[in-house]
Protein backbone atom coordinates (compact mmCIF):
# COMPACT_ATOMS: atom_id res chain seq x y z
CA UNK A 1 32.63 -21.95 -5.09
CA UNK A 2 35.41 -22.25 -7.68
CA UNK A 3 36.06 -23.90 -11.07
CA UNK A 4 33.22 -22.01 -13.06
CA UNK A 5 30.42 -23.14 -10.91
CA UNK A 6 27.42 -20.35 -9.48
CA UNK A 7 24.75 -20.94 -7.37
CA UNK A 8 21.52 -20.57 -9.01
CA UNK A 9 20.46 -17.19 -7.90
CA UNK A 10 23.64 -15.54 -8.92
CA UNK A 11 23.64 -14.45 -12.52
CA UNK A 12 27.53 -13.71 -13.31
CA UNK A 13 28.65 -10.54 -15.32
CA UNK A 14 31.07 -7.74 -15.30
CA UNK A 15 29.06 -4.71 -14.27
CA UNK A 16 29.32 -1.66 -11.91
CA UNK A 17 26.88 -3.20 -9.89
CA UNK A 18 28.55 -6.68 -9.59
CA UNK A 19 32.08 -5.04 -9.03
CA UNK A 20 31.00 -2.89 -5.85
CA UNK A 21 32.09 -4.55 -2.67
CA UNK A 22 29.17 -6.92 -1.13
CA UNK A 23 29.03 -4.87 2.51
CA UNK A 24 28.04 -1.97 -0.05
CA UNK A 25 25.40 -3.41 -1.89
CA UNK A 26 23.79 -5.08 1.62
CA UNK A 27 23.92 -1.76 3.55
CA UNK A 28 22.37 0.26 0.51
CA UNK A 29 19.68 -2.51 -0.19
CA UNK A 30 18.67 -2.89 3.77
CA UNK A 31 18.76 1.35 3.70
CA UNK A 32 16.33 1.60 0.55
CA UNK A 33 14.05 -1.06 2.14
CA UNK A 34 13.97 1.42 5.49
CA UNK A 35 13.26 4.46 3.26
CA UNK A 36 10.77 2.37 1.10
CA UNK A 37 8.71 1.45 3.97
CA UNK A 38 8.78 5.08 5.65
CA UNK A 39 7.03 6.08 2.76
CA UNK A 40 3.27 7.02 3.05
CA UNK A 41 1.25 4.66 1.37
CA UNK A 42 -1.01 7.30 -0.39
CA UNK A 43 1.70 8.73 -2.18
CA UNK A 44 1.45 6.23 -5.50
CA UNK A 45 4.14 8.29 -7.27
CA UNK A 46 6.65 7.57 -4.52
CA UNK A 47 6.32 4.01 -5.44
CA UNK A 48 6.80 4.61 -9.20
CA UNK A 49 9.89 6.48 -8.27
CA UNK A 50 11.09 3.68 -6.40
CA UNK A 51 10.46 1.10 -8.64
CA UNK A 52 12.31 3.05 -11.42
CA UNK A 53 15.30 3.19 -9.30
CA UNK A 54 15.18 -0.68 -9.02
CA UNK A 55 14.74 -0.86 -12.71
CA UNK A 56 17.56 1.40 -13.54
CA UNK A 57 20.06 -0.88 -11.06
CA UNK A 58 18.22 -3.80 -13.30
CA UNK A 59 19.51 -2.60 -16.44
CA UNK A 60 23.12 -1.58 -15.03
CA UNK A 61 23.55 -5.31 -13.53
CA UNK A 62 21.91 -6.70 -16.77
CA UNK A 63 19.41 -8.59 -14.38
CA UNK A 64 16.78 -9.74 -17.21
CA UNK A 65 13.01 -8.73 -16.38
CA UNK A 66 11.90 -12.09 -16.83
CA UNK A 67 14.54 -13.64 -14.22
CA UNK A 68 12.91 -10.85 -11.65
CA UNK A 69 9.41 -11.87 -12.27
CA UNK A 70 9.94 -15.54 -11.80
CA UNK A 71 11.84 -14.87 -8.80
CA UNK A 72 9.25 -12.72 -7.61
CA UNK A 73 6.95 -15.79 -6.82
CA UNK A 74 8.29 -16.17 -3.45
CA UNK A 75 6.53 -13.27 -2.31
CA UNK A 76 3.16 -15.30 -3.25
CA UNK A 77 1.92 -15.60 0.31
CA UNK A 78 1.83 -12.15 0.81
CA UNK A 79 -0.02 -11.65 -2.05
CA UNK A 80 -2.67 -13.66 -1.04
CA UNK A 81 -2.86 -12.63 2.28
CA UNK A 82 -2.90 -8.83 1.03
CA UNK A 83 -5.79 -9.69 -1.12
CA UNK A 84 -7.98 -10.76 1.79
CA UNK A 85 -7.24 -7.98 3.76
CA UNK A 86 -10.00 -5.86 1.75
CA UNK A 87 -12.36 -8.90 1.74
CA UNK A 88 -12.50 -8.80 5.50
CA UNK A 89 -11.54 -5.20 7.18
CA UNK A 90 -13.80 -3.21 8.46
CA UNK A 91 -14.54 0.73 7.99
CA UNK A 92 -15.78 2.10 5.18
CA UNK A 93 -17.03 -0.08 2.07
CA UNK A 94 -16.60 0.63 -1.48
CA UNK A 95 -17.51 -0.96 -4.73
CA UNK A 96 -15.26 -2.56 -6.62
CA UNK A 97 -16.14 -4.93 -9.60
CA UNK A 98 -19.18 -5.48 -7.90
CA UNK A 99 -17.54 -7.17 -4.78
CA UNK A 100 -18.00 -4.67 -1.47
CA UNK A 101 -14.64 -3.83 -0.11
CA UNK A 102 -13.11 -2.01 3.01
CA UNK A 103 -11.86 1.13 1.71
CA UNK A 104 -9.09 0.82 4.38
CA UNK A 105 -8.34 -2.71 3.80
CA UNK A 106 -7.61 -1.85 0.04
CA UNK A 107 -5.12 0.71 1.30
CA UNK A 108 -3.53 -1.76 3.74
CA UNK A 109 -3.47 -4.41 1.16
CA UNK A 110 -1.94 -1.88 -1.56
CA UNK A 111 0.65 -0.95 1.13
CA UNK A 112 1.85 -4.65 1.55
CA UNK A 113 2.01 -5.28 -2.01
CA UNK A 114 4.01 -2.22 -2.98
CA UNK A 115 6.38 -2.14 -0.18
CA UNK A 116 6.89 -5.73 -0.44
CA UNK A 117 7.49 -6.09 -3.72
CA UNK A 118 10.01 -3.22 -4.26
CA UNK A 119 11.68 -5.00 -0.78
CA UNK A 120 11.71 -8.57 -3.07
CA UNK A 121 13.14 -6.66 -5.99
CA UNK A 122 16.25 -5.24 -4.27
CA UNK A 123 16.43 -8.67 -2.85
CA UNK A 124 16.30 -10.36 -5.68
CA UNK A 125 18.90 -7.97 -7.49
CA UNK A 126 21.02 -8.20 -4.80
CA UNK A 127 21.23 -11.82 -4.79
CA UNK A 128 22.25 -11.82 -8.51
CA UNK A 129 24.62 -9.52 -8.50
CA UNK A 130 26.41 -11.09 -5.36
CA UNK A 131 27.82 -14.53 -5.00
CA UNK A 132 26.48 -15.79 -1.59
CA UNK A 133 30.11 -16.16 0.03
CA UNK A 134 30.55 -13.10 -0.92
CA UNK A 135 27.56 -11.89 0.66
CA UNK A 136 28.45 -13.53 4.10
CA UNK A 137 32.02 -12.10 4.21
CA UNK A 138 30.41 -8.43 3.52
CA UNK A 139 28.03 -9.30 6.31
CA UNK A 140 30.77 -9.86 8.43
CA UNK A 141 32.25 -6.80 7.03
CA UNK A 142 29.25 -4.82 8.57
CA UNK A 143 29.88 -6.38 12.31
CA UNK A 144 27.78 -8.87 11.91
CA UNK A 145 29.25 -11.81 14.88
CA UNK A 146 31.82 -13.86 12.48
CA UNK A 147 30.38 -17.18 14.16
CA UNK A 148 26.96 -16.39 12.69
CA UNK A 149 28.91 -15.75 9.30
CA UNK A 150 30.69 -19.21 9.90
CA UNK A 151 27.44 -20.93 10.56
CA UNK A 152 25.81 -19.54 7.54
CA UNK A 153 28.49 -19.91 5.49
CA UNK A 154 28.59 -24.16 5.98
CA UNK A 155 25.09 -24.02 5.99
CA UNK A 156 25.37 -22.82 2.35
CA UNK A 157 27.98 -24.99 1.91
CA UNK A 158 26.74 -28.13 2.79
CA UNK A 159 23.15 -27.40 2.09
CA UNK A 160 22.94 -29.09 -1.33
CA UNK A 161 24.89 -31.56 -0.16
CA UNK A 162 22.36 -32.69 2.32
CA UNK A 163 19.66 -32.38 0.03
CA UNK A 164 21.24 -34.72 -2.32
CA UNK A 165 21.34 -37.45 0.38
CA UNK A 166 17.97 -37.11 1.13
CA UNK A 167 17.10 -37.58 -3.10
CA UNK A 168 19.42 -40.60 -2.57
CA UNK A 169 17.38 -41.96 0.28
CA UNK A 170 13.95 -41.04 -1.45
CA UNK A 171 15.07 -43.33 -4.27
CA UNK A 172 16.20 -45.96 -2.09
CA UNK A 173 12.49 -45.89 -0.44
CA UNK A 174 10.60 -46.07 -3.84
CA UNK A 175 12.88 -48.91 -5.25
CA UNK A 176 11.67 -50.79 -2.10
CA UNK A 177 8.16 -49.56 -3.54
CA UNK A 178 7.57 -47.39 -0.56
CA UNK A 179 4.90 -44.85 -1.57
CA UNK A 180 3.76 -42.21 0.92
CA UNK A 181 0.12 -41.91 0.92
CA UNK A 182 -0.97 -41.39 4.39
CA UNK A 183 -0.35 -40.94 7.74
CA UNK A 184 0.29 -44.74 7.98
CA UNK A 185 3.64 -43.96 6.10
CA UNK A 186 4.78 -41.24 8.72
CA UNK A 187 6.94 -43.70 10.48
CA UNK A 188 9.14 -44.51 8.01
CA UNK A 189 9.74 -41.04 7.11
CA UNK A 190 10.74 -40.37 10.70
CA UNK A 191 13.06 -42.89 10.70
CA UNK A 192 14.63 -41.31 7.20
CA UNK A 193 14.93 -38.13 8.90
CA UNK A 194 16.36 -39.20 11.98
CA UNK A 195 18.93 -40.90 10.03
CA UNK A 196 19.49 -37.48 7.72
CA UNK A 197 20.22 -36.23 10.92
CA UNK A 198 22.79 -38.76 12.27
CA UNK A 199 24.57 -38.70 8.92
CA UNK A 200 24.49 -35.15 9.06
CA UNK A 201 25.71 -34.32 12.44
CA UNK A 202 28.57 -37.06 11.44
CA UNK A 203 29.55 -35.30 8.64
CA UNK A 204 29.73 -31.90 10.22
CA UNK A 205 31.92 -33.63 13.08
CA UNK A 206 34.48 -34.95 10.58
CA UNK A 207 34.57 -31.36 8.81
CA UNK A 208 35.40 -29.96 12.20
CA UNK A 209 38.18 -32.21 12.77
CA UNK A 210 39.68 -31.97 9.52
CA UNK A 211 39.13 -27.93 9.73
CA UNK A 212 41.32 -28.41 13.23
CA UNK A 213 43.80 -30.47 11.82
CA UNK A 214 44.65 -28.13 8.72
CA UNK A 215 44.78 -24.94 11.76
CA UNK A 216 41.66 -23.68 12.13
CA UNK A 217 41.28 -21.47 15.01
CA UNK A 218 38.03 -19.91 14.82
CA UNK A 219 38.47 -17.62 11.59
CA UNK A 220 38.01 -18.73 7.78
CA UNK A 221 40.31 -17.42 5.34
CA UNK A 222 39.41 -14.60 3.19
CA UNK A 223 39.40 -15.76 -0.40
CA UNK A 224 39.92 -12.22 -1.75
CA UNK A 225 40.11 -8.40 -0.83
CA UNK A 226 36.76 -7.05 -0.39
CA UNK A 227 37.58 -3.37 1.25
CA UNK A 228 35.30 -0.87 -0.09
CA UNK A 229 36.76 2.84 -0.97
CA UNK A 230 34.98 5.99 -0.50
CA UNK A 231 34.10 5.61 -4.28
CA UNK A 232 32.56 2.29 -3.71
CA UNK A 233 30.32 3.53 -1.02
CA UNK A 234 29.36 6.84 -2.99
CA UNK A 235 27.85 4.63 -6.05
CA UNK A 236 26.06 2.39 -3.66
CA UNK A 237 24.61 4.91 -1.94
CA UNK A 238 23.07 6.35 -5.01
CA UNK A 239 20.04 4.21 -4.70
CA UNK A 240 18.94 4.90 -0.59
CA UNK A 241 19.94 8.54 -1.34
CA UNK A 242 17.59 8.88 -4.00
CA UNK A 243 14.70 6.75 -1.94
CA UNK A 244 15.16 8.96 0.77
CA UNK A 245 15.02 12.38 -1.37
CA UNK A 246 11.53 10.30 -2.47
CA UNK A 247 10.31 9.49 1.10
CA UNK A 248 11.12 12.72 2.26
CA UNK A 249 8.94 14.70 -0.72
CA UNK A 250 6.43 12.09 -0.14
CA UNK A 251 5.43 13.55 3.31
CA UNK A 252 6.44 16.70 2.52
CA UNK A 253 3.21 16.93 0.26
CA UNK A 254 1.07 14.91 2.64
């Protein structure tokens, strides 16, 4: 992704968070999520502290709150599921706004919403401050199997190509008067899906042959140095360490 083009989820900037090596940020986010999950659900203040920690990271990375809120739409299915739990849950019932709700179900809904939301925001901040290609290289530095990293790299690189191919095929169908109204149009869509698969497979073969002709031996060249210093790890470790302290304090007061 060069030439000034960036993935839509990435927000380019020159901040301390952006400059951190990707493997440090990946490890920090995963560890932060583990400590958030380990926090007892009854300690509401602990989740407020975790939210403030993420807000501090967002401010340091200059990621607007509106951008985070828009991207949190990805967790809408979890929100709907969580909202249904108090209605269908068993156990002691409590009255909330005229509704009879399950008390254990309310705690379960809060547990899902709070922890999922914090995890989603942490992931959004990671994606907003780390280029996808760098994220994959960081995963490789964290000992993720190299083959999986390469597969994910090619998927990321050619996803837009395949989506553009789908768009052109849709335009071609519609230019011939095709409109998918019901299941009677399913065979046409199935043929389009089959044609897209064949074209993608053939493109993959051509790309692989082109790589072999250029000396590919199973390793992709590293486009920049992403080695991390002790200072980088220490800076990245601030977030999970504070989350760990919060979780320990929450457990100690139960």
